[in-house]
Amino acid sequence: MNINVKRVKIVVTVPSEHAEAVRIAIGDAGAGVVGEYTHCTVTTKCIGTFKGSDATNPYIGEKNKLELVEEEKIETVCDISIVKEVLGGLRKVHPYEEPVIDIIPLICEEDL
């Protein structure tokens, strides 16, 4: 089987109050295209945890304290050719210093 990765899934968590801005930014950058639909995402409510060091400037919470934050996990699909543009748009509106972003290669059905 010869698999050529053409699309990826992008997954990111964000505080709920910034979720809509992230959804719009990644959609406007070209992610979330499914057939004739654009801006397609799925969102799951979740709890994120983190503890920043002395060198951090956390958007939420305090340095050196374990924080629990209500977030939304946003997932979307993206052509591999525009991933960097989509990530650039995402980072412009995401409030965190270091957003956790997963980029997962997808296997297209026609390659099976």
N, C-alpha and C. Protein backbone atom coordinates (compact mmCIF):
# COMPACT_ATOMS: atom_id res chain seq x y z
N MET A 1 0.85 -1.18 0.00
CA MET A 1 0.00 0.00 0.00
C MET A 1 0.90 1.24 0.00
N ASN A 2 0.64 2.14 -0.92
CA ASN A 2 1.38 3.40 -1.02
C ASN A 2 0.47 4.52 -0.53
N ILE A 3 0.84 5.11 0.60
CA ILE A 3 0.00 6.16 1.19
C ILE A 3 0.70 7.50 1.05
N ASN A 4 0.00 8.45 0.47
CA ASN A 4 0.50 9.81 0.31
C ASN A 4 -0.37 10.71 1.18
N VAL A 5 0.21 11.29 2.23
CA VAL A 5 -0.57 12.14 3.14
C VAL A 5 -0.87 13.47 2.45
N LYS A 6 -2.17 13.72 2.24
CA LYS A 6 -2.62 14.94 1.59
C LYS A 6 -3.36 15.86 2.55
N ARG A 7 -3.89 15.26 3.63
CA ARG A 7 -4.66 16.03 4.60
C ARG A 7 -4.22 15.66 6.01
N VAL A 8 -4.43 16.60 6.91
CA VAL A 8 -4.14 16.37 8.32
C VAL A 8 -5.34 16.80 9.15
N LYS A 9 -5.36 16.34 10.39
CA LYS A 9 -6.32 16.84 11.35
C LYS A 9 -5.54 17.75 12.30
N ILE A 10 -6.05 18.94 12.52
CA ILE A 10 -5.46 19.88 13.47
C ILE A 10 -6.35 19.88 14.70
N VAL A 11 -5.71 19.72 15.87
CA VAL A 11 -6.42 19.71 17.14
C VAL A 11 -5.75 20.72 18.06
N VAL A 12 -6.56 21.58 18.69
CA VAL A 12 -6.03 22.59 19.60
C VAL A 12 -7.04 22.82 20.72
N THR A 13 -6.54 23.10 21.92
CA THR A 13 -7.42 23.50 23.01
C THR A 13 -7.28 25.00 23.23
N VAL A 14 -8.39 25.60 23.66
CA VAL A 14 -8.43 27.05 23.82
C VAL A 14 -9.48 27.39 24.89
N PRO A 15 -9.27 28.45 25.68
CA PRO A 15 -10.33 28.86 26.60
C PRO A 15 -11.62 29.14 25.84
N SER A 16 -12.74 28.76 26.43
CA SER A 16 -14.03 28.86 25.73
C SER A 16 -14.30 30.24 25.16
N GLU A 17 -13.90 31.29 25.87
CA GLU A 17 -14.19 32.64 25.40
C GLU A 17 -13.41 33.02 24.13
N HIS A 18 -12.40 32.21 23.75
CA HIS A 18 -11.63 32.47 22.53
C HIS A 18 -11.90 31.44 21.44
N ALA A 19 -12.78 30.48 21.71
CA ALA A 19 -13.00 29.39 20.76
C ALA A 19 -13.56 29.88 19.42
N GLU A 20 -14.51 30.77 19.45
CA GLU A 20 -15.11 31.25 18.20
C GLU A 20 -14.07 31.96 17.34
N ALA A 21 -13.20 32.76 17.94
CA ALA A 21 -12.16 33.45 17.18
C ALA A 21 -11.21 32.45 16.53
N VAL A 22 -10.87 31.38 17.24
CA VAL A 22 -9.99 30.35 16.68
C VAL A 22 -10.69 29.63 15.54
N ARG A 23 -11.96 29.26 15.73
CA ARG A 23 -12.71 28.59 14.65
C ARG A 23 -12.76 29.45 13.39
N ILE A 24 -13.02 30.71 13.55
CA ILE A 24 -13.09 31.62 12.40
C ILE A 24 -11.73 31.76 11.74
N ALA A 25 -10.68 31.94 12.54
CA ALA A 25 -9.32 32.14 11.99
C ALA A 25 -8.86 30.93 11.18
N ILE A 26 -9.07 29.72 11.71
CA ILE A 26 -8.61 28.55 10.97
C ILE A 26 -9.46 28.30 9.73
N GLY A 27 -10.76 28.59 9.83
CA GLY A 27 -11.63 28.45 8.66
C GLY A 27 -11.30 29.47 7.59
N ASP A 28 -11.07 30.71 8.00
CA ASP A 28 -10.71 31.75 7.04
C ASP A 28 -9.37 31.47 6.35
N ALA A 29 -8.48 30.73 7.05
CA ALA A 29 -7.18 30.37 6.48
C ALA A 29 -7.27 29.16 5.56
N GLY A 30 -8.45 28.53 5.50
CA GLY A 30 -8.66 27.43 4.55
C GLY A 30 -8.85 26.06 5.16
N ALA A 31 -8.76 25.93 6.47
CA ALA A 31 -9.00 24.63 7.10
C ALA A 31 -10.50 24.38 7.18
N GLY A 32 -10.85 23.11 7.40
CA GLY A 32 -12.25 22.77 7.61
C GLY A 32 -13.07 22.63 6.35
N VAL A 33 -12.44 22.34 5.22
CA VAL A 33 -13.17 22.14 3.98
C VAL A 33 -13.53 20.66 3.86
N VAL A 34 -14.83 20.41 3.75
CA VAL A 34 -15.35 19.05 3.56
C VAL A 34 -16.36 19.14 2.42
N GLY A 35 -15.96 18.64 1.26
CA GLY A 35 -16.82 18.76 0.08
C GLY A 35 -17.07 20.22 -0.25
N GLU A 36 -18.32 20.61 -0.30
CA GLU A 36 -18.70 21.99 -0.61
C GLU A 36 -18.91 22.83 0.65
N TYR A 37 -18.50 22.31 1.80
CA TYR A 37 -18.65 23.04 3.07
C TYR A 37 -17.31 23.58 3.52
N THR A 38 -17.34 24.75 4.16
CA THR A 38 -16.11 25.33 4.72
C THR A 38 -16.31 25.56 6.22
N HIS A 39 -15.24 25.87 6.92
CA HIS A 39 -15.27 26.19 8.35
C HIS A 39 -15.83 25.03 9.19
N CYS A 40 -15.63 23.78 8.73
CA CYS A 40 -16.13 22.61 9.47
C CYS A 40 -15.18 22.30 10.63
N THR A 41 -15.73 22.23 11.82
CA THR A 41 -14.96 21.87 13.01
C THR A 41 -15.85 21.02 13.91
N VAL A 42 -15.23 20.39 14.88
CA VAL A 42 -15.96 19.75 15.97
C VAL A 42 -15.32 20.23 17.26
N THR A 43 -16.16 20.46 18.26
CA THR A 43 -15.68 21.00 19.53
C THR A 43 -16.11 20.09 20.67
N THR A 44 -15.19 19.85 21.59
CA THR A 44 -15.47 19.09 22.80
C THR A 44 -15.09 19.94 24.00
N LYS A 45 -15.96 20.05 24.97
CA LYS A 45 -15.62 20.76 26.20
C LYS A 45 -14.68 19.86 27.00
N CYS A 46 -13.67 20.46 27.62
CA CYS A 46 -12.69 19.69 28.36
C CYS A 46 -12.08 20.55 29.48
N ILE A 47 -11.27 19.92 30.30
CA ILE A 47 -10.53 20.62 31.35
C ILE A 47 -9.05 20.47 31.03
N GLY A 48 -8.37 21.59 30.89
CA GLY A 48 -6.92 21.59 30.67
C GLY A 48 -6.20 21.87 31.97
N THR A 49 -5.01 21.32 32.11
CA THR A 49 -4.18 21.59 33.29
C THR A 49 -2.81 22.04 32.85
N PHE A 50 -2.19 22.88 33.67
CA PHE A 50 -0.83 23.34 33.40
C PHE A 50 -0.26 23.96 34.66
N LYS A 51 1.06 24.03 34.68
CA LYS A 51 1.77 24.70 35.78
C LYS A 51 2.96 25.41 35.14
N GLY A 52 2.89 26.74 35.10
CA GLY A 52 3.95 27.52 34.48
C GLY A 52 5.14 27.71 35.41
N SER A 53 6.31 27.81 34.83
CA SER A 53 7.53 28.08 35.61
C SER A 53 7.64 29.57 35.90
N ASP A 54 8.72 29.96 36.56
CA ASP A 54 8.98 31.38 36.84
C ASP A 54 9.14 32.19 35.56
N ALA A 55 9.53 31.53 34.47
CA ALA A 55 9.79 32.22 33.21
C ALA A 55 8.53 32.44 32.37
N THR A 56 7.37 31.99 32.85
CA THR A 56 6.15 32.11 32.06
C THR A 56 5.37 33.36 32.40
N ASN A 57 4.44 33.66 31.51
CA ASN A 57 3.50 34.76 31.71
C ASN A 57 2.12 34.21 31.35
N PRO A 58 1.53 33.39 32.25
CA PRO A 58 0.29 32.71 31.88
C PRO A 58 -0.88 33.66 31.62
N TYR A 59 -1.64 33.33 30.58
CA TYR A 59 -2.85 34.08 30.25
C TYR A 59 -3.88 33.91 31.36
N ILE A 60 -3.96 32.70 31.90
CA ILE A 60 -4.88 32.37 32.99
C ILE A 60 -4.05 31.82 34.14
N GLY A 61 -4.36 32.20 35.35
CA GLY A 61 -3.71 31.61 36.51
C GLY A 61 -2.41 32.28 36.90
N GLU A 62 -1.64 31.54 37.70
CA GLU A 62 -0.41 32.07 38.28
C GLU A 62 0.77 31.17 37.97
N LYS A 63 1.96 31.74 38.02
CA LYS A 63 3.19 30.98 37.87
C LYS A 63 3.30 29.99 39.04
N ASN A 64 3.91 28.84 38.77
CA ASN A 64 4.22 27.84 39.79
C ASN A 64 3.00 27.30 40.53
N LYS A 65 1.84 27.39 39.94
CA LYS A 65 0.62 26.87 40.55
C LYS A 65 -0.11 26.01 39.52
N LEU A 66 -0.48 24.80 39.92
CA LEU A 66 -1.22 23.93 39.02
C LEU A 66 -2.61 24.52 38.79
N GLU A 67 -2.94 24.75 37.54
CA GLU A 67 -4.22 25.36 37.16
C GLU A 67 -5.09 24.36 36.42
N LEU A 68 -6.38 24.43 36.64
CA LEU A 68 -7.38 23.66 35.90
C LEU A 68 -8.27 24.67 35.20
N VAL A 69 -8.40 24.56 33.89
CA VAL A 69 -9.10 25.56 33.09
C VAL A 69 -10.13 24.89 32.19
N GLU A 70 -11.36 25.43 32.18
CA GLU A 70 -12.35 24.96 31.22
C GLU A 70 -11.95 25.44 29.84
N GLU A 71 -11.83 24.48 28.93
CA GLU A 71 -11.40 24.79 27.58
C GLU A 71 -12.31 24.08 26.58
N GLU A 72 -12.11 24.42 25.32
CA GLU A 72 -12.73 23.69 24.23
C GLU A 72 -11.62 23.11 23.38
N LYS A 73 -11.78 21.84 23.01
CA LYS A 73 -10.85 21.21 22.08
C LYS A 73 -11.49 21.32 20.71
N ILE A 74 -10.82 21.99 19.81
CA ILE A 74 -11.31 22.20 18.44
C ILE A 74 -10.53 21.29 17.50
N GLU A 75 -11.27 20.56 16.67
CA GLU A 75 -10.66 19.67 15.68
C GLU A 75 -11.16 20.06 14.30
N THR A 76 -10.27 20.01 13.32
CA THR A 76 -10.65 20.29 11.94
C THR A 76 -9.71 19.56 11.01
N VAL A 77 -10.08 19.48 9.75
CA VAL A 77 -9.22 18.89 8.73
C VAL A 77 -8.60 20.01 7.90
N CYS A 78 -7.47 19.66 7.27
CA CYS A 78 -6.73 20.70 6.54
C CYS A 78 -5.88 20.05 5.46
N ASP A 79 -5.85 20.64 4.27
CA ASP A 79 -4.92 20.19 3.24
C ASP A 79 -3.50 20.48 3.73
N ILE A 80 -2.61 19.53 3.51
CA ILE A 80 -1.25 19.65 4.02
C ILE A 80 -0.53 20.87 3.42
N SER A 81 -0.94 21.27 2.23
CA SER A 81 -0.28 22.40 1.56
C SER A 81 -0.49 23.74 2.25
N ILE A 82 -1.50 23.85 3.12
CA ILE A 82 -1.78 25.14 3.77
C ILE A 82 -1.66 25.09 5.29
N VAL A 83 -1.07 24.03 5.82
CA VAL A 83 -0.98 23.88 7.28
C VAL A 83 -0.30 25.08 7.92
N LYS A 84 0.81 25.53 7.38
CA LYS A 84 1.55 26.65 8.00
C LYS A 84 0.70 27.93 8.03
N GLU A 85 -0.07 28.19 7.00
CA GLU A 85 -0.93 29.37 6.98
C GLU A 85 -2.03 29.25 8.03
N VAL A 86 -2.60 28.06 8.14
CA VAL A 86 -3.65 27.83 9.13
C VAL A 86 -3.09 28.00 10.55
N LEU A 87 -1.92 27.45 10.80
CA LEU A 87 -1.31 27.60 12.13
C LEU A 87 -0.96 29.06 12.42
N GLY A 88 -0.54 29.79 11.42
CA GLY A 88 -0.27 31.22 11.60
C GLY A 88 -1.52 31.97 12.01
N GLY A 89 -2.64 31.70 11.35
CA GLY A 89 -3.90 32.34 11.70
C GLY A 89 -4.36 31.95 13.09
N LEU A 90 -4.20 30.68 13.43
CA LEU A 90 -4.57 30.19 14.76
C LEU A 90 -3.77 30.91 15.85
N ARG A 91 -2.46 30.96 15.66
CA ARG A 91 -1.59 31.58 16.68
C ARG A 91 -1.86 33.08 16.86
N LYS A 92 -2.31 33.75 15.82
CA LYS A 92 -2.60 35.19 15.93
C LYS A 92 -3.74 35.47 16.90
N VAL A 93 -4.71 34.55 17.00
CA VAL A 93 -5.88 34.81 17.84
C VAL A 93 -5.88 33.99 19.14
N HIS A 94 -4.99 33.02 19.26
CA HIS A 94 -4.95 32.18 20.46
C HIS A 94 -4.27 32.95 21.60
N PRO A 95 -4.87 32.95 22.80
CA PRO A 95 -4.31 33.76 23.87
C PRO A 95 -3.10 33.16 24.59
N TYR A 96 -2.86 31.87 24.44
CA TYR A 96 -1.78 31.23 25.20
C TYR A 96 -0.41 31.52 24.61
N GLU A 97 0.60 31.59 25.48
CA GLU A 97 1.99 31.71 25.04
C GLU A 97 2.39 30.50 24.21
N GLU A 98 1.99 29.33 24.65
CA GLU A 98 2.37 28.06 24.03
C GLU A 98 1.14 27.18 23.82
N PRO A 99 0.31 27.46 22.82
CA PRO A 99 -0.83 26.57 22.60
C PRO A 99 -0.36 25.18 22.19
N VAL A 100 -1.02 24.16 22.70
CA VAL A 100 -0.72 22.79 22.30
C VAL A 100 -1.51 22.50 21.02
N ILE A 101 -0.79 22.19 19.96
CA ILE A 101 -1.41 21.94 18.67
C ILE A 101 -0.96 20.57 18.18
N ASP A 102 -1.92 19.69 17.92
CA ASP A 102 -1.61 18.38 17.34
C ASP A 102 -1.87 18.46 15.84
N ILE A 103 -0.96 17.88 15.07
CA ILE A 103 -1.12 17.76 13.62
C ILE A 103 -1.03 16.28 13.31
N ILE A 104 -2.17 15.69 12.93
CA ILE A 104 -2.28 14.25 12.76
C ILE A 104 -2.46 13.93 11.28
N PRO A 105 -1.56 13.13 10.69
CA PRO A 105 -1.73 12.77 9.28
C PRO A 105 -2.98 11.91 9.09
N LEU A 106 -3.68 12.15 8.01
CA LEU A 106 -4.89 11.39 7.69
C LEU A 106 -4.67 10.54 6.44
N ILE A 107 -5.26 9.36 6.44
CA ILE A 107 -5.22 8.49 5.27
C ILE A 107 -6.51 8.70 4.50
N CYS A 108 -6.39 9.02 3.23
CA CYS A 108 -7.56 9.24 2.39
C CYS A 108 -8.14 7.88 1.96
N GLU A 109 -9.43 7.81 1.90
CA GLU A 109 -10.11 6.57 1.54
C GLU A 109 -9.65 6.04 0.19
N GLU A 110 -9.40 6.92 -0.75
CA GLU A 110 -8.98 6.46 -2.09
C GLU A 110 -7.60 5.82 -2.10
N ASP A 111 -6.80 6.03 -1.04
CA ASP A 111 -5.48 5.43 -0.95
C ASP A 111 -5.50 4.02 -0.35
N LEU A 112 -6.65 3.57 0.08
CA LEU A 112 -6.75 2.24 0.72
C LEU A 112 -6.95 1.15 -0.30
